Amino acid sequence: MLAMPDIKHIKKLRNEKSFSINAITKRTGISWVTAKKYADRDHLPSESSPEKRGMMYDEVWGDMVSDWLIEDYALKKKLRRTNKGIYLQLKDQGFPGSYRTVCHFIAEWKNTHGAERDKSQESFERLNHPPAEAQIDFGTTEAVQEGQFKDIHCLIMSLPYSNAGYTVPMPSENQECFLEGLKILFEQLGSVPRKLRIDNLAAAVVKARGTHGETVFTGAFEQFAMHYGFEPEACNARRGHEKGHVENKVGYVRYNFFTPVYCKIEVQSYETKKYITLQSRKT
């Protein structure tokens, strides 16, 4: 039996270009009987899809994953389960299969159910990041406290040259939390980067960089930068790819440590200061 593309080609030669059976035989190199069979058949043969077999189809695991994927489409994209998160949940339920088995099933499920795809065709120039250059950004996620969802603002610093990353959870994204978070991150790093690339955060930037101007930073942030001796650099407006490394780190921290299914928070008060302690399932 010929493949479906070959059959369609024969039908096109016969119906649209009015080729004779002999001409089709010479054009395609198949026998006259085969060319006649497919050229003059009224209906194209239907492609048969093999029946899916395996533990994801024969047992309850596939139905469980399908239900979770459907549930996740009602959430924000950043709060949806990852493949790894789904696999860990299945393991808690006694799943005997491998991580690769789960990934194959999820990919096939998304293809057959019209999952969202990245349609962005915009290309960007690759940026070079010298040593001692860092990027900083806030990432908001959710955790469960006493049965309720709470927003957690994670200040994340990444160093693209070494691929290192540091994070600290903060209660807000105001200037006080931003500067205090930077101080804690510098202590975690054990040093201060020479250059710090940031987004146009309201806590640090008064006026974003324009076509004929430079970025105007807040007075408190400029004093902070002078005290620690680093050079602040703000990205252009609506150019998140200019700090793409820290954007990836935000996603990594969110999906690996702050997924609501696996994470809970405890708020403790010491001398009128509130510290958020995050307990991850992995730790």
Protein backbone atom coordinates (compact mmCIF):
# COMPACT_ATOMS: atom_id res chain seq x y z
CA MET A 1 0.00 0.00 0.00
CA LEU A 2 1.30 3.43 -0.91
CA ALA A 3 1.79 6.15 1.65
CA MET A 4 -0.84 8.85 1.86
CA PRO A 5 1.34 11.62 0.28
CA ASP A 6 1.98 9.37 -2.75
CA ILE A 7 -1.73 8.61 -3.12
CA LYS A 8 -2.61 12.31 -2.97
CA HIS A 9 0.03 13.04 -5.59
CA ILE A 10 -1.50 10.45 -7.95
CA LYS A 11 -5.00 11.87 -7.40
CA LYS A 12 -3.73 15.38 -8.13
CA LEU A 13 -2.08 14.29 -11.38
CA ARG A 14 -5.25 12.51 -12.47
CA ASN A 15 -7.94 14.98 -11.41
CA GLU A 16 -6.27 18.38 -11.59
CA LYS A 17 -3.70 17.92 -14.37
CA SER A 18 -5.64 15.30 -16.39
CA PHE A 19 -2.73 12.87 -16.64
CA SER A 20 -3.42 9.49 -18.23
CA ILE A 21 -2.63 6.28 -16.34
CA ASN A 22 0.38 5.71 -18.59
CA ALA A 23 1.66 9.23 -17.92
CA ILE A 24 1.21 8.75 -14.18
CA THR A 25 3.12 5.46 -14.39
CA LYS A 26 6.03 7.15 -16.14
CA ARG A 27 5.94 10.13 -13.79
CA THR A 28 5.85 8.18 -10.52
CA GLY A 29 7.58 4.93 -11.50
CA ILE A 30 4.83 2.70 -10.06
CA SER A 31 3.05 -0.08 -11.90
CA TRP A 32 0.10 0.57 -14.21
CA VAL A 33 -2.26 -1.49 -12.02
CA THR A 34 -1.34 0.45 -8.87
CA ALA A 35 -1.65 3.80 -10.64
CA LYS A 36 -5.09 2.82 -11.96
CA LYS A 37 -6.18 1.61 -8.54
CA TYR A 38 -5.47 4.88 -6.74
CA ALA A 39 -6.10 7.34 -9.58
CA ASP A 40 -9.69 6.31 -10.23
CA ARG A 41 -10.75 5.39 -6.71
CA ASP A 42 -13.64 7.54 -5.52
CA HIS A 43 -12.46 7.96 -1.94
CA LEU A 44 -9.04 8.19 -0.45
CA PRO A 45 -8.24 5.43 2.04
CA SER A 46 -8.39 6.61 5.61
CA GLU A 47 -5.21 6.65 7.62
CA SER A 48 -5.45 4.18 10.43
CA SER A 49 -3.99 5.27 13.74
CA PRO A 50 -2.62 2.46 15.88
CA GLU A 51 -4.32 1.87 19.20
CA LYS A 52 -2.41 3.41 22.05
CA ARG A 53 -1.11 0.87 24.52
CA GLY A 54 0.87 1.13 27.72
CA MET A 55 0.33 1.98 31.36
CA MET A 56 -0.68 5.57 30.54
CA TYR A 57 -3.55 4.30 28.37
CA ASP A 58 -4.48 0.94 29.87
CA GLU A 59 -4.47 2.11 33.48
CA VAL A 60 -5.72 5.16 35.39
CA TRP A 61 -2.52 7.20 35.08
CA GLY A 62 -3.39 8.77 31.73
CA ASP A 63 -6.82 9.87 32.98
CA MET A 64 -5.26 11.43 36.06
CA VAL A 65 -2.74 13.40 34.02
CA SER A 66 -5.44 14.52 31.57
CA ASP A 67 -7.58 15.83 34.43
CA TRP A 68 -4.65 17.75 35.88
CA LEU A 69 -3.80 19.31 32.51
CA ILE A 70 -7.40 20.41 32.01
CA GLU A 71 -7.44 21.93 35.50
CA ASP A 72 -4.22 23.80 34.82
CA TYR A 73 -5.65 25.55 31.76
CA ALA A 74 -7.93 27.45 34.14
CA LEU A 75 -4.85 28.86 35.94
CA LYS A 76 -2.31 31.43 34.92
CA LYS A 77 0.42 29.95 32.78
CA LYS A 78 3.11 30.56 35.40
CA LEU A 79 1.09 28.62 38.01
CA ARG A 80 0.53 25.48 35.94
CA ARG A 81 2.19 22.21 36.79
CA THR A 82 5.40 21.34 35.02
CA ASN A 83 6.12 17.87 33.63
CA LYS A 84 8.34 17.23 36.61
CA GLY A 85 5.65 18.35 39.04
CA ILE A 86 3.11 16.02 37.42
CA TYR A 87 5.59 13.15 37.57
CA LEU A 88 6.21 13.74 41.30
CA GLN A 89 2.47 13.76 41.98
CA LEU A 90 2.08 10.48 40.11
CA LYS A 91 4.92 8.96 42.12
CA ASP A 92 3.09 9.93 45.30
CA GLN A 93 0.12 7.97 43.98
CA GLY A 94 2.27 4.88 43.35
CA PHE A 95 3.07 5.41 39.68
CA PRO A 96 5.61 2.74 38.60
CA GLY A 97 6.67 4.33 35.30
CA SER A 98 9.49 6.69 34.33
CA TYR A 99 9.68 10.44 33.89
CA ARG A 100 10.16 10.00 30.14
CA THR A 101 6.89 8.04 29.89
CA VAL A 102 5.02 10.93 31.49
CA CYS A 103 6.69 13.50 29.21
CA HIS A 104 5.76 11.52 26.08
CA PHE A 105 2.13 11.27 27.19
CA ILE A 106 1.90 15.00 28.02
CA ALA A 107 3.41 16.01 24.67
CA GLU A 108 0.98 13.77 22.78
CA TRP A 109 -1.96 15.01 24.84
CA LYS A 110 -1.12 18.65 24.09
CA ASN A 111 -0.76 17.94 20.37
CA THR A 112 -4.15 16.25 20.16
CA HIS A 113 -5.96 18.76 22.37
CA GLY A 114 -4.79 21.93 20.68
CA ALA A 115 -2.50 23.15 23.44
CA GLU A 116 -1.11 26.65 23.45
CA ARG A 117 1.99 27.14 21.35
CA ASP A 118 4.51 29.89 21.23
CA LYS A 119 3.74 31.84 18.08
CA SER A 120 6.38 34.47 18.59
CA GLN A 121 8.61 34.79 15.54
CA GLU A 122 10.61 37.75 16.80
CA SER A 123 14.35 37.18 16.85
CA PHE A 124 16.85 38.89 19.11
CA GLU A 125 20.55 39.48 18.97
CA ARG A 126 22.54 37.37 21.38
CA LEU A 127 23.88 39.42 24.30
CA ASN A 128 27.35 38.99 25.79
CA HIS A 129 27.70 39.08 29.56
CA PRO A 130 31.19 39.68 30.97
CA PRO A 131 32.26 38.40 34.41
CA ALA A 132 31.02 40.27 37.51
CA GLU A 133 27.83 41.39 35.74
CA ALA A 134 24.54 40.56 37.45
CA GLN A 135 20.85 40.87 36.61
CA ILE A 136 18.07 41.50 39.11
CA ASP A 137 14.30 41.15 38.95
CA PHE A 138 11.22 40.40 41.03
CA GLY A 139 9.16 37.28 40.45
CA THR A 140 5.70 36.91 41.93
CA THR A 141 4.32 33.51 42.80
CA GLU A 142 1.79 32.00 45.17
CA ALA A 143 2.02 29.72 48.16
CA VAL A 144 -0.59 28.30 50.51
CA GLN A 145 -0.93 29.59 54.06
CA GLU A 146 -3.73 28.23 56.24
CA GLY A 147 -5.71 27.16 53.20
CA GLN A 148 -5.41 30.50 51.40
CA PHE A 149 -3.19 31.64 48.54
CA LYS A 150 -0.63 34.31 49.41
CA ASP A 151 1.50 36.34 47.01
CA ILE A 152 5.25 35.92 47.48
CA HIS A 153 7.59 38.47 45.88
CA CYS A 154 10.94 36.85 45.21
CA LEU A 155 13.88 39.13 44.47
CA ILE A 156 16.23 37.11 42.28
CA MET A 157 19.78 37.92 41.23
CA SER A 158 21.56 35.94 38.53
CA LEU A 159 25.11 36.04 37.18
CA PRO A 160 24.98 35.03 33.50
CA TYR A 161 28.72 34.41 33.16
CA SER A 162 28.75 31.67 35.83
CA ASN A 163 25.02 30.79 35.64
CA ALA A 164 24.75 31.30 39.42
CA GLY A 165 21.57 32.56 41.03
CA TYR A 166 20.41 33.82 44.41
CA THR A 167 16.95 34.61 45.72
CA VAL A 168 15.24 36.05 48.76
CA PRO A 169 11.46 36.22 49.40
CA MET A 170 10.09 39.64 50.31
CA PRO A 171 6.62 40.76 51.42
CA SER A 172 6.38 43.51 48.78
CA GLU A 173 8.14 45.15 45.83
CA ASN A 174 8.52 48.63 47.28
CA GLN A 175 11.82 50.48 47.59
CA GLU A 176 12.49 49.38 51.16
CA CYS A 177 12.07 45.69 50.28
CA PHE A 178 14.10 46.11 47.09
CA LEU A 179 17.12 47.67 48.80
CA GLU A 180 16.95 45.31 51.77
CA GLY A 181 16.69 42.37 49.38
CA LEU A 182 19.75 43.55 47.45
CA LYS A 183 21.71 43.79 50.69
CA ILE A 184 20.78 40.19 51.58
CA LEU A 185 21.67 38.95 48.10
CA PHE A 186 25.09 40.61 48.26
CA GLU A 187 25.66 38.86 51.59
CA GLN A 188 24.65 35.54 50.04
CA LEU A 189 27.03 36.12 47.13
CA GLY A 190 29.84 37.22 49.42
CA SER A 191 30.73 40.11 47.11
CA VAL A 192 29.19 42.88 45.02
CA PRO A 193 28.94 42.72 41.19
CA ARG A 194 30.56 45.48 39.16
CA LYS A 195 27.43 46.08 37.08
CA LEU A 196 23.79 45.41 37.98
CA ARG A 197 21.22 45.28 35.19
CA ILE A 198 17.63 45.86 36.30
CA ASP A 199 14.21 46.27 34.81
CA ASN A 200 12.42 49.60 35.01
CA LEU A 201 11.27 48.91 38.56
CA ALA A 202 9.38 51.69 40.27
CA ALA A 203 11.52 51.07 43.36
CA ALA A 204 14.68 52.08 41.47
CA VAL A 205 13.73 54.01 38.32
CA VAL A 206 12.00 57.37 38.13
CA LYS A 207 12.13 57.71 34.34
CA ALA A 208 12.89 54.92 31.88
CA ARG A 209 15.49 55.35 29.16
CA GLY A 210 14.06 57.17 26.18
CA THR A 211 15.20 57.76 22.62
CA HIS A 212 17.23 60.86 23.48
CA GLY A 213 17.80 60.45 27.20
CA GLU A 214 19.29 58.35 29.96
CA THR A 215 17.59 56.49 32.75
CA VAL A 216 16.77 58.53 35.83
CA PHE A 217 17.18 56.50 39.03
CA THR A 218 15.70 57.29 42.42
CA GLY A 219 17.92 59.15 44.85
CA ALA A 220 17.89 56.32 47.39
CA PHE A 221 18.93 53.74 44.80
CA GLU A 222 21.76 55.95 43.49
CA GLN A 223 23.07 56.38 47.04
CA PHE A 224 22.79 52.64 47.59
CA ALA A 225 24.78 51.98 44.38
CA MET A 226 27.46 54.51 45.36
CA HIS A 227 27.77 52.95 48.82
CA TYR A 228 28.29 49.42 47.46
CA GLY A 229 30.28 50.55 44.43
CA PHE A 230 28.35 48.95 41.56
CA GLU A 231 27.16 50.48 38.30
CA PRO A 232 23.37 50.31 37.78
CA GLU A 233 22.08 49.77 34.25
CA ALA A 234 18.41 49.75 33.28
CA CYS A 235 16.96 47.86 30.33
CA ASN A 236 15.15 49.58 27.52
CA ALA A 237 11.39 49.77 27.85
CA ARG A 238 9.55 46.58 26.84
CA ARG A 239 12.81 44.74 26.17
CA GLY A 240 12.69 41.89 28.65
CA HIS A 241 15.16 39.83 26.60
CA GLU A 242 17.92 42.23 27.68
CA LYS A 243 17.79 40.52 31.07
CA GLY A 244 16.68 37.13 29.82
CA HIS A 245 19.01 35.22 32.14
CA VAL A 246 17.30 36.41 35.29
CA GLU A 247 13.90 35.89 33.64
CA ASN A 248 14.82 32.22 33.22
CA LYS A 249 15.99 32.09 36.83
CA VAL A 250 12.62 33.48 37.94
CA GLY A 251 10.88 30.63 36.15
CA TYR A 252 13.31 28.06 37.55
CA VAL A 253 12.77 29.23 41.13
CA ARG A 254 9.01 29.42 40.69
CA TYR A 255 8.56 25.99 39.15
CA ASN A 256 11.03 24.13 41.37
CA PHE A 257 10.54 25.68 44.79
CA PHE A 258 7.34 27.71 44.92
CA THR A 259 4.76 25.53 43.19
CA PRO A 260 1.63 25.79 45.38
CA VAL A 261 1.12 22.02 45.37
CA TYR A 262 4.43 21.44 47.11
CA CYS A 263 5.04 24.61 49.06
CA LYS A 264 3.72 26.20 52.23
CA ILE A 265 4.72 29.38 54.04
CA GLU A 266 5.11 30.31 57.64
CA VAL A 267 5.19 33.93 58.78
CA GLN A 268 7.12 34.65 61.95
CA SER A 269 7.52 37.98 63.71
CA TYR A 270 10.73 39.08 65.41
CA GLU A 271 10.89 42.57 66.94
CA THR A 272 8.16 44.00 64.70
CA LYS A 273 9.88 42.62 61.53
CA LYS A 274 8.19 39.88 59.53
CA TYR A 275 10.30 37.22 57.91
CA ILE A 276 8.88 34.73 55.45
CA THR A 277 10.26 31.22 55.73
CA LEU A 278 9.56 29.04 52.74
CA GLN A 279 9.54 25.29 53.19
CA SER A 280 9.88 23.41 49.94
CA ARG A 281 8.87 19.81 49.45
CA LYS A 282 12.35 19.19 48.03
CA THR A 283 14.06 20.35 51.19
